[in-house]
PDB file of all heavy atoms in Angstrom:
ATOM      1  N   VAL A   1      25.970  55.847 146.661  1.00  0.00           N
ATOM      2  CA  VAL A   1      25.841  54.472 146.185  1.00  0.00           C
ATOM      3  C   VAL A   1      24.871  53.703 147.081  1.00  0.00           C
ATOM      4  O   VAL A   1      23.999  52.961 146.596  1.00  0.00           O
ATOM      5  CB  VAL A   1      27.212  53.777 146.155  1.00  0.00           C
ATOM      6  CG1 VAL A   1      27.070  52.325 145.705  1.00  0.00           C
ATOM      7  CG2 VAL A   1      28.168  54.520 145.243  1.00  0.00           C
ATOM      8  N   TYR A   2      25.024  53.894 148.396  1.00  0.00           N
ATOM      9  CA  TYR A   2      24.097  53.234 149.312  1.00  0.00           C
ATOM     10  C   TYR A   2      22.671  53.730 149.089  1.00  0.00           C
ATOM     11  O   TYR A   2      21.720  52.940 149.107  1.00  0.00           O
ATOM     12  CB  TYR A   2      24.504  53.486 150.766  1.00  0.00           C
ATOM     13  CG  TYR A   2      23.397  53.132 151.736  1.00  0.00           C
ATOM     14  CD1 TYR A   2      23.091  51.798 152.008  1.00  0.00           C
ATOM     15  CD2 TYR A   2      22.630  54.138 152.340  1.00  0.00           C
ATOM     16  CE1 TYR A   2      22.055  51.472 152.864  1.00  0.00           C
ATOM     17  CE2 TYR A   2      21.592  53.808 153.199  1.00  0.00           C
ATOM     18  CZ  TYR A   2      21.308  52.481 153.461  1.00  0.00           C
ATOM     19  OH  TYR A   2      20.278  52.154 154.295  1.00  0.00           O
ATOM     20  N   TRP A   3      22.506  55.037 148.889  1.00  0.00           N
ATOM     21  CA  TRP A   3      21.157  55.579 148.706  1.00  0.00           C
ATOM     22  C   TRP A   3      20.524  55.062 147.413  1.00  0.00           C
ATOM     23  O   TRP A   3      19.323  54.830 147.352  1.00  0.00           O
ATOM     24  CB  TRP A   3      21.200  57.101 148.710  1.00  0.00           C
ATOM     25  CG  TRP A   3      19.848  57.711 148.955  1.00  0.00           C
ATOM     26  CD1 TRP A   3      19.078  58.396 148.052  1.00  0.00           C
ATOM     27  CD2 TRP A   3      19.106  57.665 150.160  1.00  0.00           C
ATOM     28  NE1 TRP A   3      17.902  58.780 148.630  1.00  0.00           N
ATOM     29  CE2 TRP A   3      17.888  58.341 149.932  1.00  0.00           C
ATOM     30  CE3 TRP A   3      19.342  57.119 151.427  1.00  0.00           C
ATOM     31  CZ2 TRP A   3      16.915  58.482 150.914  1.00  0.00           C
ATOM     32  CZ3 TRP A   3      18.376  57.255 152.395  1.00  0.00           C
ATOM     33  CH2 TRP A   3      17.177  57.928 152.131  1.00  0.00           C
ATOM     34  N   MET A   4      21.348  54.885 146.394  1.00  0.00           N
ATOM     35  CA  MET A   4      20.856  54.297 145.151  1.00  0.00           C
ATOM     36  C   MET A   4      20.310  52.894 145.411  1.00  0.00           C
ATOM     37  O   MET A   4      19.216  52.535 144.935  1.00  0.00           O
ATOM     38  CB  MET A   4      21.984  54.248 144.119  1.00  0.00           C
ATOM     39  CG  MET A   4      21.632  53.588 142.802  1.00  0.00           C
ATOM     40  SD  MET A   4      23.008  53.673 141.621  1.00  0.00           S
ATOM     41  CE  MET A   4      24.208  52.596 142.431  1.00  0.00           C
ATOM     42  N   LEU A   5      21.042  52.109 146.184  1.00  0.00           N
ATOM     43  CA  LEU A   5      20.583  50.756 146.527  1.00  0.00           C
ATOM     44  C   LEU A   5      19.331  50.808 147.395  1.00  0.00           C
ATOM     45  O   LEU A   5      18.392  50.020 147.194  1.00  0.00           O
ATOM     46  CB  LEU A   5      21.706  50.007 147.240  1.00  0.00           C
ATOM     47  CG  LEU A   5      21.412  48.556 147.663  1.00  0.00           C
ATOM     48  CD1 LEU A   5      21.097  47.699 146.449  1.00  0.00           C
ATOM     49  CD2 LEU A   5      22.586  47.983 148.443  1.00  0.00           C
ATOM     50  N   ASN A   6      19.293  51.738 148.341  1.00  0.00           N
ATOM     51  CA  ASN A   6      18.139  51.877 149.221  1.00  0.00           C
ATOM     52  C   ASN A   6      16.875  52.225 148.444  1.00  0.00           C
ATOM     53  O   ASN A   6      15.819  51.610 148.626  1.00  0.00           O
ATOM     54  CB  ASN A   6      18.430  52.954 150.270  1.00  0.00           C
ATOM     55  CG  ASN A   6      17.276  53.167 151.226  1.00  0.00           C
ATOM     56  OD1 ASN A   6      16.553  52.230 151.560  1.00  0.00           O
ATOM     57  ND2 ASN A   6      17.080  54.405 151.651  1.00  0.00           N
ATOM     58  N   VAL A   7      16.985  53.194 147.544  1.00  0.00           N
ATOM     59  CA  VAL A   7      15.820  53.611 146.756  1.00  0.00           C
ATOM     60  C   VAL A   7      15.376  52.494 145.818  1.00  0.00           C
ATOM     61  O   VAL A   7      14.182  52.317 145.564  1.00  0.00           O
ATOM     62  CB  VAL A   7      16.137  54.893 145.974  1.00  0.00           C
ATOM     63  CG1 VAL A   7      14.986  55.277 145.037  1.00  0.00           C
ATOM     64  CG2 VAL A   7      16.417  56.044 146.934  1.00  0.00           C
ATOM     65  N   SER A   8      16.326  51.707 145.314  1.00  0.00           N
ATOM     66  CA  SER A   8      15.961  50.627 144.394  1.00  0.00           C
ATOM     67  C   SER A   8      15.095  49.569 145.074  1.00  0.00           C
ATOM     68  O   SER A   8      14.374  48.827 144.395  1.00  0.00           O
ATOM     69  CB  SER A   8      17.221  49.970 143.827  1.00  0.00           C
ATOM     70  OG  SER A   8      17.899  49.203 144.817  1.00  0.00           O
ATOM     71  N   LEU A   9      15.153  49.506 146.404  1.00  0.00           N
ATOM     72  CA  LEU A   9      14.365  48.532 147.152  1.00  0.00           C
ATOM     73  C   LEU A   9      13.130  49.139 147.819  1.00  0.00           C
ATOM     74  O   LEU A   9      12.418  48.467 148.550  1.00  0.00           O
ATOM     75  CB  LEU A   9      15.242  47.880 148.235  1.00  0.00           C
ATOM     76  CG  LEU A   9      16.434  47.059 147.735  1.00  0.00           C
ATOM     77  CD1 LEU A   9      17.318  46.656 148.904  1.00  0.00           C
ATOM     78  CD2 LEU A   9      15.982  45.840 146.956  1.00  0.00           C
ATOM     79  N   THR A  10      12.882  50.419 147.582  1.00  0.00           N
ATOM     80  CA  THR A  10      11.786  51.133 148.240  1.00  0.00           C
ATOM     81  C   THR A  10      10.504  51.037 147.420  1.00  0.00           C
ATOM     82  O   THR A  10      10.530  51.139 146.192  1.00  0.00           O
ATOM     83  CB  THR A  10      12.164  52.609 148.445  1.00  0.00           C
ATOM     84  OG1 THR A  10      13.368  52.691 149.221  1.00  0.00           O
ATOM     85  CG2 THR A  10      11.053  53.363 149.165  1.00  0.00           C
ATOM     86  N   ARG A  11       9.375  50.873 148.091  1.00  0.00           N
ATOM     87  CA  ARG A  11       8.081  50.818 147.416  1.00  0.00           C
ATOM     88  C   ARG A  11       7.697  52.199 146.880  1.00  0.00           C
ATOM     89  O   ARG A  11       8.135  53.226 147.392  1.00  0.00           O
ATOM     90  CB  ARG A  11       6.996  50.331 148.374  1.00  0.00           C
ATOM     91  CG  ARG A  11       7.225  48.955 148.953  1.00  0.00           C
ATOM     92  CD  ARG A  11       6.072  48.553 149.861  1.00  0.00           C
ATOM     93  NE  ARG A  11       5.877  49.547 150.942  1.00  0.00           N
ATOM     94  CZ  ARG A  11       4.895  49.478 151.829  1.00  0.00           C
ATOM     95  NH1 ARG A  11       4.012  48.470 151.782  1.00  0.00           N
ATOM     96  NH2 ARG A  11       4.788  50.402 152.774  1.00  0.00           N
ATOM     97  N   ASP A  12       6.852  52.217 145.852  1.00  0.00           N
ATOM     98  CA  ASP A  12       6.422  53.480 145.259  1.00  0.00           C
ATOM     99  C   ASP A  12       5.732  54.378 146.284  1.00  0.00           C
ATOM    100  O   ASP A  12       5.933  55.593 146.304  1.00  0.00           O
ATOM    101  CB  ASP A  12       5.475  53.224 144.080  1.00  0.00           C
ATOM    102  CG  ASP A  12       6.199  52.628 142.885  1.00  0.00           C
ATOM    103  OD1 ASP A  12       7.422  52.847 142.771  1.00  0.00           O
ATOM    104  OD2 ASP A  12       5.549  51.933 142.076  1.00  0.00           O
ATOM    105  N   GLN A  13       4.895  53.803 147.141  1.00  0.00           N
ATOM    106  CA  GLN A  13       4.145  54.615 148.097  1.00  0.00           C
ATOM    107  C   GLN A  13       5.017  55.183 149.205  1.00  0.00           C
ATOM    108  O   GLN A  13       4.595  56.076 149.940  1.00  0.00           O
ATOM    109  CB  GLN A  13       2.992  53.808 148.708  1.00  0.00           C
ATOM    110  CG  GLN A  13       3.413  52.523 149.394  1.00  0.00           C
ATOM    111  CD  GLN A  13       3.315  51.328 148.464  1.00  0.00           C
ATOM    112  OE1 GLN A  13       3.610  51.441 147.278  1.00  0.00           O
ATOM    113  NE2 GLN A  13       2.881  50.192 149.006  1.00  0.00           N
ATOM    114  N   ASP A  14       6.257  54.661 149.332  1.00  0.00           N
ATOM    115  CA  ASP A  14       7.166  55.176 150.359  1.00  0.00           C
ATOM    116  C   ASP A  14       8.170  56.180 149.813  1.00  0.00           C
ATOM    117  O   ASP A  14       9.009  56.688 150.573  1.00  0.00           O
ATOM    118  CB  ASP A  14       7.933  54.017 151.012  1.00  0.00           C
ATOM    119  CG  ASP A  14       7.012  53.080 151.767  1.00  0.00           C
ATOM    120  OD1 ASP A  14       5.941  53.539 152.205  1.00  0.00           O
ATOM    121  OD2 ASP A  14       7.361  51.886 151.904  1.00  0.00           O
ATOM    122  N   MET A  15       8.094  56.490 148.525  1.00  0.00           N
ATOM    123  CA  MET A  15       9.095  57.357 147.912  1.00  0.00           C
ATOM    124  C   MET A  15       9.065  58.778 148.467  1.00  0.00           C
ATOM    125  O   MET A  15      10.094  59.437 148.587  1.00  0.00           O
ATOM    126  CB  MET A  15       8.894  57.392 146.390  1.00  0.00           C
ATOM    127  CG  MET A  15       9.295  56.123 145.678  1.00  0.00           C
ATOM    128  SD  MET A  15      11.073  55.862 145.760  1.00  0.00           S
ATOM    129  CE  MET A  15      11.170  54.237 144.997  1.00  0.00           C
ATOM    130  N   ARG A  16       7.888  59.267 148.772  1.00  0.00           N
ATOM    131  CA  ARG A  16       7.746  60.671 149.183  1.00  0.00           C
ATOM    132  C   ARG A  16       7.590  60.830 150.687  1.00  0.00           C
ATOM    133  O   ARG A  16       7.092  61.860 151.154  1.00  0.00           O
ATOM    134  CB  ARG A  16       6.560  61.298 148.452  1.00  0.00           C
ATOM    135  CG  ARG A  16       6.711  61.291 146.940  1.00  0.00           C
ATOM    136  CD  ARG A  16       5.589  62.038 146.247  1.00  0.00           C
ATOM    137  NE  ARG A  16       5.740  62.000 144.805  1.00  0.00           N
ATOM    138  CZ  ARG A  16       6.488  62.848 144.087  1.00  0.00           C
ATOM    139  NH1 ARG A  16       7.164  63.795 144.714  1.00  0.00           N
ATOM    140  NH2 ARG A  16       6.559  62.745 142.776  1.00  0.00           N
ATOM    141  N   LYS A  17       7.999  59.823 151.440  1.00  0.00           N
ATOM    142  CA  LYS A  17       7.931  59.940 152.894  1.00  0.00           C
ATOM    143  C   LYS A  17       8.885  61.030 153.387  1.00  0.00           C
ATOM    144  O   LYS A  17       9.969  61.230 152.832  1.00  0.00           O
ATOM    145  CB  LYS A  17       8.291  58.610 153.554  1.00  0.00           C
ATOM    146  CG  LYS A  17       7.235  57.544 153.418  1.00  0.00           C
ATOM    147  CD  LYS A  17       7.626  56.289 154.178  1.00  0.00           C
ATOM    148  CE  LYS A  17       7.748  56.565 155.665  1.00  0.00           C
ATOM    149  NZ  LYS A  17       8.019  55.313 156.430  1.00  0.00           N
ATOM    150  N   SER A  18       8.462  61.733 154.418  1.00  0.00           N
ATOM    151  CA  SER A  18       9.297  62.780 154.995  1.00  0.00           C
ATOM    152  C   SER A  18       9.311  62.632 156.523  1.00  0.00           C
ATOM    153  O   SER A  18       8.252  62.746 157.169  1.00  0.00           O
ATOM    154  CB  SER A  18       8.763  64.163 154.606  1.00  0.00           C
ATOM    155  OG  SER A  18       9.602  65.183 155.125  1.00  0.00           O
ATOM    156  N   PRO A  19      10.464  62.343 157.096  1.00  0.00           N
ATOM    157  CA  PRO A  19      11.745  62.102 156.431  1.00  0.00           C
ATOM    158  C   PRO A  19      11.788  60.734 155.771  1.00  0.00           C
ATOM    159  O   PRO A  19      11.035  59.835 156.173  1.00  0.00           O
ATOM    160  CB  PRO A  19      12.735  62.174 157.600  1.00  0.00           C
ATOM    161  CG  PRO A  19      11.947  61.715 158.786  1.00  0.00           C
ATOM    162  CD  PRO A  19      10.557  62.242 158.571  1.00  0.00           C
ATOM    163  N   PRO A  20      12.656  60.551 154.786  1.00  0.00           N
ATOM    164  CA  PRO A  20      12.725  59.249 154.108  1.00  0.00           C
ATOM    165  C   PRO A  20      13.345  58.185 155.004  1.00  0.00           C
ATOM    166  O   PRO A  20      14.064  58.488 155.967  1.00  0.00           O
ATOM    167  CB  PRO A  20      13.622  59.539 152.902  1.00  0.00           C
ATOM    168  CG  PRO A  20      14.463  60.695 153.332  1.00  0.00           C
ATOM    169  CD  PRO A  20      13.587  61.544 154.216  1.00  0.00           C
ATOM    170  N   ASP A  21      13.061  56.956 154.703  1.00  0.00           N
ATOM    171  CA  ASP A  21      13.625  55.836 155.467  1.00  0.00           C
ATOM    172  C   ASP A  21      15.096  55.650 155.099  1.00  0.00           C
ATOM    173  O   ASP A  21      15.442  55.589 153.903  1.00  0.00           O
ATOM    174  CB  ASP A  21      12.864  54.538 155.170  1.00  0.00           C
ATOM    175  CG  ASP A  21      11.434  54.590 155.680  1.00  0.00           C
ATOM    176  OD1 ASP A  21      11.206  55.243 156.702  1.00  0.00           O
ATOM    177  OD2 ASP A  21      10.561  53.972 155.030  1.00  0.00           O
ATOM    178  N   LEU A  22      15.934  55.576 156.110  1.00  0.00           N
ATOM    179  CA  LEU A  22      17.348  55.311 155.855  1.00  0.00           C
ATOM    180  C   LEU A  22      17.578  53.859 155.468  1.00  0.00           C
ATOM    181  O   LEU A  22      18.597  53.523 154.868  1.00  0.00           O
ATOM    182  CB  LEU A  22      18.187  55.661 157.092  1.00  0.00           C
ATOM    183  CG  LEU A  22      18.255  57.157 157.443  1.00  0.00           C
ATOM    184  CD1 LEU A  22      19.083  57.351 158.706  1.00  0.00           C
ATOM    185  CD2 LEU A  22      18.845  57.953 156.285  1.00  0.00           C
ATOM    186  N   PHE A  23      16.631  53.000 155.817  1.00  0.00           N
ATOM    187  CA  PHE A  23      16.683  51.592 155.435  1.00  0.00           C
ATOM    188  C   PHE A  23      15.329  51.226 154.831  1.00  0.00           C
ATOM    189  O   PHE A  23      14.292  51.733 155.275  1.00  0.00           O
ATOM    190  CB  PHE A  23      16.979  50.703 156.648  1.00  0.00           C
ATOM    191  CG  PHE A  23      18.249  51.045 157.361  1.00  0.00           C
ATOM    192  CD1 PHE A  23      18.228  51.883 158.465  1.00  0.00           C
ATOM    193  CD2 PHE A  23      19.464  50.547 156.927  1.00  0.00           C
ATOM    194  CE1 PHE A  23      19.393  52.214 159.128  1.00  0.00           C
ATOM    195  CE2 PHE A  23      20.637  50.863 157.582  1.00  0.00           C
ATOM    196  CZ  PHE A  23      20.608  51.708 158.677  1.00  0.00           C
ATOM    197  N   PRO A  24      15.315  50.367 153.830  1.00  0.00           N
ATOM    198  CA  PRO A  24      14.031  49.974 153.216  1.00  0.00           C
ATOM    199  C   PRO A  24      13.230  49.076 154.151  1.00  0.00           C
ATOM    200  O   PRO A  24      13.408  47.850 154.167  1.00  0.00           O
ATOM    201  CB  PRO A  24      14.457  49.237 151.940  1.00  0.00           C
ATOM    202  CG  PRO A  24      15.840  48.736 152.236  1.00  0.00           C
ATOM    203  CD  PRO A  24      16.472  49.751 153.155  1.00  0.00           C
ATOM    204  N   ALA A  25      12.348  49.693 154.955  1.00  0.00           N
ATOM    205  CA  ALA A  25      11.582  48.928 155.946  1.00  0.00           C
ATOM    206  C   ALA A  25      10.667  47.912 155.278  1.00  0.00           C
ATOM    207  O   ALA A  25      10.457  46.817 155.805  1.00  0.00           O
ATOM    208  CB  ALA A  25      10.779  49.888 156.821  1.00  0.00           C
TER     209      ALA A  25
END
């Protein structure tokens, strides 16, 4: 549920970051 909220606030260009951001910077 938290990850769903995190991804909903993430920019398109940050979607494929590795490792992904645990918080939407």
